[in-house]
Amino acid sequence: MSPSRLAVPPGRAGRLWLERRLEVARRGADLLDRKLRILQSELDRLRSSAEQTAREWDRSCATAELWLLRAGLLGGQRAIRLASQGGQFADVTISHAVTMGARHPADAACAMPRPTGWDGPAVAGAREAHRAALAAAVRHAVATGALRVIEAEAVATRYRLRAVRDRWIPRLEQALAEVTFSIEELERADGARLRLAAGARVSASRPGRDERQRK
């Protein structure tokens, strides 16, 4: 790998150029590593939350099905159809948060429509059970949505960290070593030339052997 592929300036300016970029790359790798550790901790929390909300949703669904069966047996399908008429829907509002630059669902508010009349204890119990199941489903959707976003951010961060730490930093280090070696070679060559030139000047300033004999 040649440092010329990095468009390195020649000489000592190139060494300074590489040293600065190497420092930036190492600092960036440290920041990415810290971000990845924070994301991993958040992933553990979100996985636990997703598992818990999934269990709550399963229990709520089972309870809602039991109440629906009870309402059908006691009031009949006609009572269930009448209770479901009216065209009213639940209103779900999702709030978001930002974790290490990743925007994800954080919480949700579920506003249920008011009952239009008295439907009897079985139908009313079925309605409340289905409302609880809907709220549990919304909480699970928020937890799984946040988990997907943070998982994707953790994967992207891991790729960026690997690119900086395993490819970019070694490339800069190798280029810096090559530039430093070439500078040291030039300095040694310049030193040798200076020593030769100084020796030549000393020799020229001393009288020769024949001239001393004549004297």
N, C-alpha and C. Protein backbone atom coordinates (compact mmCIF):
# COMPACT_ATOMS: atom_id res chain seq x y z
N MET A 1 0.84 -1.19 0.00
CA MET A 1 0.00 0.00 0.00
C MET A 1 0.88 1.23 0.00
N SER A 2 0.71 2.05 -0.98
CA SER A 2 1.57 3.21 -1.11
C SER A 2 0.89 4.43 -0.52
N PRO A 3 1.66 5.28 0.20
CA PRO A 3 1.05 6.49 0.74
C PRO A 3 0.60 7.46 -0.33
N SER A 4 1.11 7.28 -1.57
CA SER A 4 0.68 8.17 -2.63
C SER A 4 -0.80 8.01 -2.94
N ARG A 5 -1.38 6.84 -2.65
CA ARG A 5 -2.80 6.64 -2.88
C ARG A 5 -3.65 7.49 -1.95
N LEU A 6 -3.08 7.94 -0.87
CA LEU A 6 -3.78 8.82 0.05
C LEU A 6 -3.60 10.28 -0.30
N ALA A 7 -2.91 10.57 -1.38
CA ALA A 7 -2.61 11.96 -1.77
C ALA A 7 -1.90 12.69 -0.64
N VAL A 8 -0.85 12.06 -0.13
CA VAL A 8 -0.10 12.62 0.99
C VAL A 8 0.82 13.72 0.48
N PRO A 9 0.83 14.89 1.11
CA PRO A 9 1.79 15.92 0.71
C PRO A 9 3.22 15.43 0.90
N PRO A 10 4.15 15.93 0.15
CA PRO A 10 5.53 15.44 0.24
C PRO A 10 6.24 15.93 1.50
N GLY A 11 7.23 15.16 1.92
CA GLY A 11 8.12 15.59 2.99
C GLY A 11 7.47 15.63 4.35
N ARG A 12 8.00 16.56 5.18
CA ARG A 12 7.53 16.68 6.56
C ARG A 12 6.07 17.13 6.62
N ALA A 13 5.63 17.89 5.65
CA ALA A 13 4.22 18.27 5.61
C ALA A 13 3.32 17.04 5.49
N GLY A 14 3.77 16.05 4.72
CA GLY A 14 3.01 14.81 4.60
C GLY A 14 2.97 14.05 5.91
N ARG A 15 4.09 14.03 6.63
CA ARG A 15 4.10 13.35 7.93
C ARG A 15 3.13 14.02 8.90
N LEU A 16 3.14 15.34 8.93
CA LEU A 16 2.22 16.07 9.81
C LEU A 16 0.77 15.82 9.38
N TRP A 17 0.54 15.80 8.08
CA TRP A 17 -0.81 15.52 7.55
C TRP A 17 -1.30 14.16 8.01
N LEU A 18 -0.44 13.16 7.93
CA LEU A 18 -0.82 11.81 8.35
C LEU A 18 -1.00 11.71 9.85
N GLU A 19 -0.15 12.36 10.61
CA GLU A 19 -0.27 12.32 12.07
C GLU A 19 -1.59 12.91 12.54
N ARG A 20 -2.00 13.99 11.93
CA ARG A 20 -3.28 14.61 12.31
C ARG A 20 -4.45 13.71 11.96
N ARG A 21 -4.42 13.13 10.78
CA ARG A 21 -5.53 12.26 10.40
C ARG A 21 -5.54 10.97 11.21
N LEU A 22 -4.40 10.50 11.57
CA LEU A 22 -4.34 9.31 12.43
C LEU A 22 -4.91 9.61 13.81
N GLU A 23 -4.62 10.78 14.32
CA GLU A 23 -5.18 11.18 15.62
C GLU A 23 -6.70 11.28 15.55
N VAL A 24 -7.21 11.87 14.47
CA VAL A 24 -8.66 11.98 14.29
C VAL A 24 -9.29 10.60 14.16
N ALA A 25 -8.66 9.71 13.41
CA ALA A 25 -9.20 8.36 13.22
C ALA A 25 -9.24 7.59 14.54
N ARG A 26 -8.20 7.70 15.33
CA ARG A 26 -8.19 7.01 16.62
C ARG A 26 -9.24 7.57 17.57
N ARG A 27 -9.39 8.90 17.56
CA ARG A 27 -10.43 9.49 18.39
C ARG A 27 -11.81 9.05 17.91
N GLY A 28 -12.00 8.99 16.61
CA GLY A 28 -13.27 8.52 16.08
C GLY A 28 -13.56 7.08 16.45
N ALA A 29 -12.53 6.24 16.42
CA ALA A 29 -12.71 4.84 16.81
C ALA A 29 -13.11 4.74 18.28
N ASP A 30 -12.51 5.56 19.12
CA ASP A 30 -12.87 5.55 20.54
C ASP A 30 -14.33 5.97 20.73
N LEU A 31 -14.75 7.00 20.01
CA LEU A 31 -16.13 7.45 20.13
C LEU A 31 -17.11 6.40 19.62
N LEU A 32 -16.79 5.76 18.51
CA LEU A 32 -17.65 4.71 17.98
C LEU A 32 -17.73 3.52 18.93
N ASP A 33 -16.61 3.18 19.55
CA ASP A 33 -16.61 2.08 20.52
C ASP A 33 -17.48 2.43 21.72
N ARG A 34 -17.39 3.66 22.19
CA ARG A 34 -18.23 4.08 23.32
C ARG A 34 -19.70 4.06 22.91
N LYS A 35 -20.01 4.56 21.72
CA LYS A 35 -21.39 4.54 21.24
C LYS A 35 -21.91 3.11 21.15
N LEU A 36 -21.10 2.19 20.67
CA LEU A 36 -21.53 0.81 20.53
C LEU A 36 -21.81 0.18 21.90
N ARG A 37 -21.00 0.50 22.89
CA ARG A 37 -21.25 -0.04 24.24
C ARG A 37 -22.57 0.49 24.80
N ILE A 38 -22.85 1.78 24.58
CA ILE A 38 -24.12 2.34 25.05
C ILE A 38 -25.29 1.69 24.33
N LEU A 39 -25.16 1.50 23.02
CA LEU A 39 -26.23 0.86 22.25
C LEU A 39 -26.45 -0.59 22.70
N GLN A 40 -25.38 -1.29 23.02
CA GLN A 40 -25.53 -2.66 23.49
C GLN A 40 -26.28 -2.71 24.81
N SER A 41 -25.98 -1.77 25.70
CA SER A 41 -26.71 -1.70 26.96
C SER A 41 -28.18 -1.39 26.73
N GLU A 42 -28.46 -0.47 25.80
CA GLU A 42 -29.84 -0.15 25.48
C GLU A 42 -30.55 -1.33 24.83
N LEU A 43 -29.84 -2.09 24.02
CA LEU A 43 -30.43 -3.27 23.40
C LEU A 43 -30.85 -4.30 24.45
N ASP A 44 -30.04 -4.49 25.45
CA ASP A 44 -30.40 -5.43 26.51
C ASP A 44 -31.71 -5.00 27.19
N ARG A 45 -31.84 -3.71 27.46
CA ARG A 45 -33.06 -3.21 28.09
C ARG A 45 -34.26 -3.37 27.17
N LEU A 46 -34.09 -3.05 25.89
CA LEU A 46 -35.20 -3.13 24.95
C LEU A 46 -35.62 -4.57 24.68
N ARG A 47 -34.66 -5.49 24.63
CA ARG A 47 -35.03 -6.90 24.46
C ARG A 47 -35.86 -7.39 25.64
N SER A 48 -35.45 -7.02 26.84
CA SER A 48 -36.22 -7.40 28.02
C SER A 48 -37.61 -6.78 27.99
N SER A 49 -37.70 -5.51 27.56
CA SER A 49 -39.00 -4.85 27.47
C SER A 49 -39.88 -5.51 26.42
N ALA A 50 -39.30 -5.87 25.27
CA ALA A 50 -40.07 -6.52 24.21
C ALA A 50 -40.59 -7.88 24.67
N GLU A 51 -39.77 -8.63 25.38
CA GLU A 51 -40.23 -9.92 25.89
C GLU A 51 -41.35 -9.76 26.91
N GLN A 52 -41.20 -8.78 27.79
CA GLN A 52 -42.22 -8.56 28.81
C GLN A 52 -43.54 -8.11 28.20
N THR A 53 -43.49 -7.15 27.26
CA THR A 53 -44.72 -6.68 26.62
C THR A 53 -45.36 -7.77 25.77
N ALA A 54 -44.54 -8.66 25.19
CA ALA A 54 -45.12 -9.78 24.43
C ALA A 54 -45.89 -10.71 25.34
N ARG A 55 -45.36 -10.98 26.53
CA ARG A 55 -46.08 -11.83 27.48
C ARG A 55 -47.38 -11.16 27.94
N GLU A 56 -47.31 -9.84 28.20
CA GLU A 56 -48.52 -9.13 28.61
C GLU A 56 -49.57 -9.13 27.51
N TRP A 57 -49.12 -8.99 26.27
CA TRP A 57 -50.06 -9.00 25.15
C TRP A 57 -50.71 -10.37 25.02
N ASP A 58 -49.92 -11.44 25.15
CA ASP A 58 -50.48 -12.80 25.08
C ASP A 58 -51.53 -13.02 26.16
N ARG A 59 -51.22 -12.60 27.39
CA ARG A 59 -52.18 -12.77 28.48
C ARG A 59 -53.44 -11.95 28.24
N SER A 60 -53.27 -10.72 27.75
CA SER A 60 -54.43 -9.86 27.48
C SER A 60 -55.30 -10.43 26.37
N CYS A 61 -54.65 -10.97 25.34
CA CYS A 61 -55.42 -11.58 24.24
C CYS A 61 -56.21 -12.79 24.73
N ALA A 62 -55.58 -13.61 25.55
CA ALA A 62 -56.29 -14.78 26.09
C ALA A 62 -57.48 -14.35 26.94
N THR A 63 -57.29 -13.32 27.76
CA THR A 63 -58.39 -12.81 28.58
C THR A 63 -59.50 -12.24 27.71
N ALA A 64 -59.12 -11.48 26.66
CA ALA A 64 -60.13 -10.90 25.77
C ALA A 64 -60.93 -11.99 25.04
N GLU A 65 -60.26 -13.03 24.60
CA GLU A 65 -60.97 -14.13 23.93
C GLU A 65 -61.93 -14.82 24.88
N LEU A 66 -61.52 -14.97 26.14
CA LEU A 66 -62.39 -15.60 27.12
C LEU A 66 -63.63 -14.76 27.37
N TRP A 67 -63.46 -13.45 27.51
CA TRP A 67 -64.60 -12.58 27.72
C TRP A 67 -65.50 -12.51 26.49
N LEU A 68 -64.91 -12.55 25.31
CA LEU A 68 -65.73 -12.54 24.10
C LEU A 68 -66.57 -13.80 24.00
N LEU A 69 -65.98 -14.93 24.35
CA LEU A 69 -66.74 -16.17 24.36
C LEU A 69 -67.87 -16.10 25.37
N ARG A 70 -67.58 -15.55 26.54
CA ARG A 70 -68.59 -15.43 27.59
C ARG A 70 -69.72 -14.51 27.15
N ALA A 71 -69.35 -13.38 26.50
CA ALA A 71 -70.38 -12.45 26.02
C ALA A 71 -71.24 -13.09 24.95
N GLY A 72 -70.62 -13.90 24.07
CA GLY A 72 -71.40 -14.57 23.03
C GLY A 72 -72.35 -15.61 23.60
N LEU A 73 -71.92 -16.29 24.64
CA LEU A 73 -72.78 -17.30 25.24
C LEU A 73 -73.93 -16.68 26.01
N LEU A 74 -73.66 -15.55 26.69
CA LEU A 74 -74.70 -14.94 27.53
C LEU A 74 -75.61 -14.00 26.74
N GLY A 75 -75.05 -13.22 25.84
CA GLY A 75 -75.86 -12.23 25.14
C GLY A 75 -76.11 -12.55 23.69
N GLY A 76 -75.36 -13.48 23.14
CA GLY A 76 -75.54 -13.81 21.74
C GLY A 76 -74.70 -12.92 20.83
N GLN A 77 -74.61 -13.36 19.59
CA GLN A 77 -73.82 -12.59 18.61
C GLN A 77 -74.46 -11.24 18.31
N ARG A 78 -75.79 -11.15 18.46
CA ARG A 78 -76.46 -9.87 18.19
C ARG A 78 -75.99 -8.81 19.18
N ALA A 79 -75.83 -9.17 20.44
CA ALA A 79 -75.38 -8.20 21.43
C ALA A 79 -73.94 -7.73 21.13
N ILE A 80 -73.13 -8.64 20.63
CA ILE A 80 -71.75 -8.26 20.29
C ILE A 80 -71.74 -7.32 19.09
N ARG A 81 -72.61 -7.63 18.08
CA ARG A 81 -72.65 -6.77 16.90
C ARG A 81 -73.16 -5.37 17.26
N LEU A 82 -74.16 -5.30 18.11
CA LEU A 82 -74.69 -3.99 18.51
C LEU A 82 -73.65 -3.20 19.30
N ALA A 83 -72.88 -3.90 20.13
CA ALA A 83 -71.86 -3.21 20.93
C ALA A 83 -70.71 -2.70 20.08
N SER A 84 -70.48 -3.35 18.93
CA SER A 84 -69.35 -2.95 18.08
C SER A 84 -69.72 -1.88 17.08
N GLN A 85 -71.02 -1.52 16.99
CA GLN A 85 -71.44 -0.48 16.05
C GLN A 85 -71.16 0.90 16.64
N GLY A 86 -71.14 1.88 15.76
CA GLY A 86 -70.91 3.27 16.20
C GLY A 86 -69.77 3.95 15.47
N GLY A 87 -68.88 3.18 14.85
CA GLY A 87 -67.83 3.78 14.03
C GLY A 87 -66.76 4.51 14.80
N GLN A 88 -66.61 4.23 16.09
CA GLN A 88 -65.59 4.89 16.88
C GLN A 88 -64.33 4.03 16.93
N PHE A 89 -63.19 4.69 16.91
CA PHE A 89 -61.92 3.99 16.91
C PHE A 89 -61.03 4.53 18.02
N ALA A 90 -60.10 3.71 18.43
CA ALA A 90 -59.11 4.16 19.40
C ALA A 90 -58.11 5.09 18.73
N ASP A 91 -57.59 6.01 19.49
CA ASP A 91 -56.61 6.99 18.98
C ASP A 91 -55.28 6.72 19.68
N VAL A 92 -54.27 6.36 18.91
CA VAL A 92 -52.95 6.03 19.45
C VAL A 92 -51.97 7.13 19.08
N THR A 93 -51.31 7.67 20.08
CA THR A 93 -50.29 8.71 19.88
C THR A 93 -48.95 8.18 20.35
N ILE A 94 -48.00 8.14 19.45
CA ILE A 94 -46.68 7.59 19.76
C ILE A 94 -45.69 8.73 19.91
N SER A 95 -44.96 8.71 21.00
CA SER A 95 -43.88 9.68 21.22
C SER A 95 -42.55 9.01 20.93
N HIS A 96 -41.59 9.83 20.55
CA HIS A 96 -40.28 9.31 20.15
C HIS A 96 -39.18 9.88 21.03
N ALA A 97 -38.06 9.19 21.03
CA ALA A 97 -36.86 9.62 21.74
C ALA A 97 -35.66 9.38 20.83
N VAL A 98 -34.54 9.95 21.22
CA VAL A 98 -33.31 9.82 20.44
C VAL A 98 -32.24 9.21 21.34
N THR A 99 -31.68 8.10 20.91
CA THR A 99 -30.59 7.43 21.63
C THR A 99 -29.37 7.37 20.74
N MET A 100 -28.30 8.09 21.11
CA MET A 100 -27.06 8.11 20.34
C MET A 100 -27.30 8.41 18.86
N GLY A 101 -28.18 9.38 18.61
CA GLY A 101 -28.45 9.80 17.24
C GLY A 101 -29.53 9.01 16.53
N ALA A 102 -30.07 7.97 17.15
CA ALA A 102 -31.08 7.14 16.51
C ALA A 102 -32.46 7.49 17.09
N ARG A 103 -33.38 7.93 16.26
CA ARG A 103 -34.73 8.27 16.70
C ARG A 103 -35.60 7.02 16.68
N HIS A 104 -36.28 6.76 17.79
CA HIS A 104 -37.04 5.51 17.90
C HIS A 104 -38.29 5.76 18.75
N PRO A 105 -39.32 4.91 18.63
CA PRO A 105 -40.50 5.03 19.49
C PRO A 105 -40.12 4.85 20.95
N ALA A 106 -40.71 5.66 21.81
CA ALA A 106 -40.38 5.59 23.24
C ALA A 106 -41.60 5.29 24.10
N ASP A 107 -42.75 5.82 23.73
CA ASP A 107 -43.95 5.62 24.55
C ASP A 107 -45.16 5.83 23.66
N ALA A 108 -46.32 5.43 24.17
CA ALA A 108 -47.55 5.59 23.41
C ALA A 108 -48.71 5.82 24.37
N ALA A 109 -49.64 6.66 23.94
CA ALA A 109 -50.87 6.90 24.67
C ALA A 109 -52.03 6.41 23.82
N CYS A 110 -52.87 5.59 24.42
CA CYS A 110 -53.98 4.96 23.68
C CYS A 110 -55.29 5.49 24.26
N ALA A 111 -55.99 6.33 23.50
CA ALA A 111 -57.27 6.91 23.93
C ALA A 111 -58.40 6.05 23.37
N MET A 112 -59.20 5.48 24.26
CA MET A 112 -60.29 4.59 23.86
C MET A 112 -61.60 5.37 23.72
N PRO A 113 -62.46 4.99 22.77
CA PRO A 113 -63.77 5.65 22.65
C PRO A 113 -64.68 5.26 23.81
N ARG A 114 -65.56 6.16 24.16
CA ARG A 114 -66.49 5.88 25.25
C ARG A 114 -67.61 4.98 24.77
N PRO A 115 -68.10 4.10 25.66
CA PRO A 115 -69.24 3.25 25.28
C PRO A 115 -70.47 4.12 25.00
N THR A 116 -71.27 3.70 24.01
CA THR A 116 -72.47 4.47 23.64
C THR A 116 -73.68 4.09 24.48
N GLY A 117 -73.64 3.00 25.18
CA GLY A 117 -74.79 2.59 25.98
C GLY A 117 -74.41 1.49 26.96
N TRP A 118 -75.43 1.00 27.65
CA TRP A 118 -75.19 -0.08 28.60
C TRP A 118 -75.39 -1.40 27.88
N ASP A 119 -74.40 -2.27 27.92
CA ASP A 119 -74.45 -3.50 27.14
C ASP A 119 -74.56 -4.75 28.00
N GLY A 120 -74.65 -4.61 29.27
CA GLY A 120 -74.67 -5.79 30.12
C GLY A 120 -73.28 -6.12 30.61
N PRO A 121 -73.18 -6.85 31.71
CA PRO A 121 -71.86 -7.11 32.31
C PRO A 121 -70.94 -7.93 31.42
N ALA A 122 -71.47 -8.88 30.67
CA ALA A 122 -70.60 -9.73 29.86
C ALA A 122 -70.00 -8.95 28.70
N VAL A 123 -70.84 -8.19 27.99
CA VAL A 123 -70.35 -7.40 26.86
C VAL A 123 -69.43 -6.30 27.36
N ALA A 124 -69.78 -5.66 28.48
CA ALA A 124 -68.91 -4.62 29.04
C ALA A 124 -67.56 -5.20 29.45
N GLY A 125 -67.59 -6.39 30.06
CA GLY A 125 -66.33 -7.03 30.43
C GLY A 125 -65.49 -7.38 29.21
N ALA A 126 -66.16 -7.82 28.12
CA ALA A 126 -65.44 -8.13 26.88
C ALA A 126 -64.82 -6.87 26.29
N ARG A 127 -65.57 -5.76 26.37
CA ARG A 127 -65.03 -4.50 25.84
C ARG A 127 -63.79 -4.08 26.62
N GLU A 128 -63.86 -4.12 27.92
CA GLU A 128 -62.72 -3.71 28.73
C GLU A 128 -61.52 -4.64 28.50
N ALA A 129 -61.78 -5.93 28.35
CA ALA A 129 -60.68 -6.87 28.11
C ALA A 129 -60.01 -6.60 26.77
N HIS A 130 -60.82 -6.23 25.76
CA HIS A 130 -60.24 -5.94 24.46
C HIS A 130 -59.51 -4.59 24.48
N ARG A 131 -59.98 -3.67 25.27
CA ARG A 131 -59.25 -2.41 25.43
C ARG A 131 -57.88 -2.67 26.06
N ALA A 132 -57.85 -3.52 27.08
CA ALA A 132 -56.57 -3.84 27.72
C ALA A 132 -55.65 -4.56 26.74
N ALA A 133 -56.23 -5.43 25.89
CA ALA A 133 -55.41 -6.13 24.90
C ALA A 133 -54.85 -5.16 23.87
N LEU A 134 -55.68 -4.18 23.47
CA LEU A 134 -55.19 -3.19 22.51
C LEU A 134 -54.07 -2.36 23.12
N ALA A 135 -54.22 -1.93 24.36
CA ALA A 135 -53.16 -1.15 25.01
C ALA A 135 -51.88 -1.97 25.13
N ALA A 136 -52.01 -3.26 25.44
CA ALA A 136 -50.83 -4.12 25.52
C ALA A 136 -50.18 -4.28 24.16
N ALA A 137 -51.00 -4.38 23.11
CA ALA A 137 -50.45 -4.49 21.75
C ALA A 137 -49.68 -3.23 21.36
N VAL A 138 -50.19 -2.07 21.75
CA VAL A 138 -49.51 -0.81 21.44
C VAL A 138 -48.17 -0.74 22.17
N ARG A 139 -48.17 -1.14 23.45
CA ARG A 139 -46.91 -1.12 24.21
C ARG A 139 -45.89 -2.08 23.59
N HIS A 140 -46.35 -3.23 23.14
CA HIS A 140 -45.43 -4.17 22.50
C HIS A 140 -44.93 -3.64 21.17
N ALA A 141 -45.79 -2.96 20.42
CA ALA A 141 -45.36 -2.38 19.14
C ALA A 141 -44.29 -1.31 19.37
N VAL A 142 -44.46 -0.51 20.41
CA VAL A 142 -43.46 0.51 20.72
C VAL A 142 -42.13 -0.14 21.08
N ALA A 143 -42.19 -1.18 21.93
CA ALA A 143 -40.95 -1.85 22.36
C ALA A 143 -40.24 -2.52 21.19
N THR A 144 -40.98 -3.22 20.33
CA THR A 144 -40.34 -3.90 19.20
C THR A 144 -39.85 -2.89 18.15
N GLY A 145 -40.60 -1.79 17.97
CA GLY A 145 -40.14 -0.77 17.04
C GLY A 145 -38.83 -0.14 17.48
N ALA A 146 -38.75 0.18 18.77
CA ALA A 146 -37.50 0.74 19.30
C ALA A 146 -36.36 -0.27 19.19
N LEU A 147 -36.67 -1.53 19.44
CA LEU A 147 -35.63 -2.56 19.36
C LEU A 147 -35.09 -2.68 17.94
N ARG A 148 -35.95 -2.63 16.94
CA ARG A 148 -35.48 -2.72 15.55
C ARG A 148 -34.58 -1.54 15.18
N VAL A 149 -34.98 -0.35 15.61
CA VAL A 149 -34.18 0.84 15.27
C VAL A 149 -32.80 0.76 15.93
N ILE A 150 -32.75 0.42 17.21
CA ILE A 150 -31.47 0.39 17.92
C ILE A 150 -30.61 -0.77 17.42
N GLU A 151 -31.22 -1.89 17.07
CA GLU A 151 -30.44 -2.99 16.49
C GLU A 151 -29.79 -2.56 15.19
N ALA A 152 -30.53 -1.87 14.33
CA ALA A 152 -29.97 -1.40 13.06
C ALA A 152 -28.86 -0.40 13.29
N GLU A 153 -29.03 0.50 14.27
CA GLU A 153 -28.00 1.49 14.58
C GLU A 153 -26.75 0.81 15.13
N ALA A 154 -26.94 -0.23 15.96
CA ALA A 154 -25.78 -0.95 16.51
C ALA A 154 -25.01 -1.66 15.40
N VAL A 155 -25.72 -2.26 14.46
CA VAL A 155 -25.04 -2.94 13.34
C VAL A 155 -24.26 -1.93 12.50
N ALA A 156 -24.88 -0.79 12.18
CA ALA A 156 -24.19 0.23 11.39
C ALA A 156 -22.97 0.77 12.14
N THR A 157 -23.11 0.98 13.44
CA THR A 157 -21.98 1.47 14.24
C THR A 157 -20.86 0.45 14.28
N ARG A 158 -21.21 -0.83 14.39
CA ARG A 158 -20.19 -1.88 14.41
C ARG A 158 -19.44 -1.92 13.08
N TYR A 159 -20.13 -1.74 11.96
CA TYR A 159 -19.48 -1.73 10.66
C TYR A 159 -18.54 -0.52 10.53
N ARG A 160 -19.02 0.64 10.98
CA ARG A 160 -18.18 1.84 10.90
C ARG A 160 -16.94 1.70 11.78
N LEU A 161 -17.12 1.15 12.97
CA LEU A 161 -15.98 0.96 13.86
C LEU A 161 -14.97 0.00 13.25
N ARG A 162 -15.46 -1.07 12.66
CA ARG A 162 -14.56 -2.04 12.04
C ARG A 162 -13.81 -1.42 10.87
N ALA A 163 -14.50 -0.59 10.09
CA ALA A 163 -13.84 0.06 8.95
C ALA A 163 -12.74 1.01 9.41
N VAL A 164 -13.01 1.77 10.47
CA VAL A 164 -12.02 2.72 10.96
C VAL A 164 -10.87 1.99 11.65
N ARG A 165 -11.20 1.05 12.53
CA ARG A 165 -10.18 0.41 13.35
C ARG A 165 -9.37 -0.62 12.58
N ASP A 166 -10.00 -1.37 11.69
CA ASP A 166 -9.31 -2.47 11.02
C ASP A 166 -8.78 -2.13 9.64
N ARG A 167 -9.25 -1.03 9.05
CA ARG A 167 -8.78 -0.69 7.70
C ARG A 167 -8.16 0.70 7.62
N TRP A 168 -8.90 1.71 8.08
CA TRP A 168 -8.42 3.07 7.89
C TRP A 168 -7.21 3.38 8.77
N ILE A 169 -7.26 3.03 10.05
CA ILE A 169 -6.13 3.30 10.93
C ILE A 169 -4.87 2.54 10.50
N PRO A 170 -4.94 1.23 10.21
CA PRO A 170 -3.73 0.56 9.72
C PRO A 170 -3.19 1.16 8.43
N ARG A 171 -4.08 1.63 7.57
CA ARG A 171 -3.61 2.25 6.32
C ARG A 171 -2.84 3.54 6.61
N LEU A 172 -3.38 4.35 7.52
CA LEU A 172 -2.68 5.58 7.90
C LEU A 172 -1.36 5.27 8.60
N GLU A 173 -1.36 4.27 9.47
CA GLU A 173 -0.13 3.91 10.19
C GLU A 173 0.95 3.44 9.22
N GLN A 174 0.55 2.64 8.25
CA GLN A 174 1.54 2.17 7.27
C GLN A 174 2.07 3.33 6.43
N ALA A 175 1.17 4.21 6.00
CA ALA A 175 1.61 5.35 5.21
C ALA A 175 2.53 6.26 6.03
N LEU A 176 2.21 6.44 7.32
CA LEU A 176 3.06 7.27 8.16
C LEU A 176 4.43 6.64 8.35
N ALA A 177 4.47 5.31 8.52
CA ALA A 177 5.76 4.63 8.67
C ALA A 177 6.59 4.78 7.40
N GLU A 178 5.98 4.67 6.23
CA GLU A 178 6.71 4.80 4.97
C GLU A 178 7.23 6.22 4.78
N VAL A 179 6.39 7.22 5.09
CA VAL A 179 6.83 8.60 4.94
C VAL A 179 7.94 8.92 5.92
N THR A 180 7.79 8.45 7.16
CA THR A 180 8.84 8.69 8.16
C THR A 180 10.15 8.04 7.74
N PHE A 181 10.08 6.83 7.21
CA PHE A 181 11.30 6.14 6.75
C PHE A 181 11.96 6.91 5.61
N SER A 182 11.17 7.39 4.68
CA SER A 182 11.75 8.13 3.54
C SER A 182 12.38 9.44 4.01
N ILE A 183 11.73 10.10 4.99
CA ILE A 183 12.32 11.34 5.51
C ILE A 183 13.63 11.05 6.22
N GLU A 184 13.66 9.98 7.03
CA GLU A 184 14.90 9.62 7.72
C GLU A 184 16.00 9.26 6.74
N GLU A 185 15.65 8.58 5.64
CA GLU A 185 16.65 8.26 4.61
C GLU A 185 17.21 9.53 3.98
N LEU A 186 16.34 10.46 3.69
CA LEU A 186 16.81 11.73 3.12
C LEU A 186 17.69 12.48 4.11
N GLU A 187 17.30 12.47 5.39
CA GLU A 187 18.13 13.15 6.39
C GLU A 187 19.50 12.50 6.53
N ARG A 188 19.54 11.16 6.48
CA ARG A 188 20.84 10.47 6.55
C ARG A 188 21.69 10.79 5.32
N ALA A 189 21.04 10.80 4.15
CA ALA A 189 21.78 11.13 2.93
C ALA A 189 22.30 12.56 2.98
N ASP A 190 21.46 13.49 3.46
CA ASP A 190 21.91 14.88 3.58
C ASP A 190 23.06 14.99 4.58
N GLY A 191 22.99 14.23 5.69
CA GLY A 191 24.07 14.26 6.67
C GLY A 191 25.37 13.74 6.11
N ALA A 192 25.26 12.67 5.32
CA ALA A 192 26.48 12.13 4.71
C ALA A 192 27.09 13.12 3.73
N ARG A 193 26.25 13.79 2.94
CA ARG A 193 26.77 14.77 1.99
C ARG A 193 27.41 15.94 2.72
N LEU A 194 26.80 16.35 3.81
CA LEU A 194 27.38 17.46 4.58
C LEU A 194 28.73 17.06 5.18
N ARG A 195 28.81 15.83 5.67
CA ARG A 195 30.09 15.38 6.23
C ARG A 195 31.16 15.31 5.16
N LEU A 196 30.80 14.81 3.98
CA LEU A 196 31.76 14.75 2.88
C LEU A 196 32.20 16.14 2.46
N ALA A 197 31.21 17.05 2.39
CA ALA A 197 31.56 18.41 1.99
C ALA A 197 32.45 19.08 3.03
N ALA A 198 32.16 18.83 4.31
CA ALA A 198 32.99 19.42 5.36
C ALA A 198 34.40 18.83 5.32
N GLY A 199 34.52 17.53 5.09
CA GLY A 199 35.84 16.91 4.98
C GLY A 199 36.62 17.45 3.81
N ALA A 200 35.93 17.70 2.72
CA ALA A 200 36.62 18.25 1.54
C ALA A 200 37.12 19.66 1.82
N ARG A 201 36.31 20.45 2.53
CA ARG A 201 36.76 21.80 2.84
C ARG A 201 37.98 21.79 3.77
N VAL A 202 37.99 20.87 4.74
CA VAL A 202 39.13 20.76 5.65
C VAL A 202 40.38 20.36 4.88
N SER A 203 40.25 19.39 3.99
CA SER A 203 41.40 18.94 3.20
C SER A 203 41.92 20.05 2.31
N ALA A 204 41.03 20.85 1.76
CA ALA A 204 41.46 21.93 0.88
C ALA A 204 42.17 23.02 1.65
N SER A 205 41.79 23.20 2.92
CA SER A 205 42.42 24.27 3.71
C SER A 205 43.79 23.88 4.24
N ARG A 206 44.16 22.60 4.25
CA ARG A 206 45.48 22.16 4.75
C ARG A 206 46.50 22.19 3.61
N PRO A 207 47.80 22.59 3.88
CA PRO A 207 48.82 22.56 2.82
C PRO A 207 49.17 21.14 2.44
N GLY A 208 49.50 20.96 1.17
CA GLY A 208 49.83 19.63 0.69
C GLY A 208 51.22 19.19 1.14
N ARG A 209 51.53 17.89 0.93
CA ARG A 209 52.82 17.31 1.36
C ARG A 209 53.96 17.91 0.56
N ASP A 210 53.80 18.08 -0.76
CA ASP A 210 54.87 18.63 -1.58
C ASP A 210 55.16 20.08 -1.18
N GLU A 211 54.10 20.81 -0.86
CA GLU A 211 54.29 22.20 -0.49
C GLU A 211 55.03 22.29 0.83
N ARG A 212 54.78 21.37 1.78
CA ARG A 212 55.50 21.38 3.06
C ARG A 212 56.97 21.03 2.86
N GLN A 213 57.25 20.09 1.92
CA GLN A 213 58.65 19.70 1.68
C GLN A 213 59.44 20.88 1.07
N ARG A 214 58.82 21.64 0.20
CA ARG A 214 59.51 22.77 -0.42
C ARG A 214 59.84 23.81 0.61
N LYS A 215 58.94 23.96 1.59
CA LYS A 215 59.18 24.92 2.64
C LYS A 215 60.29 24.42 3.56
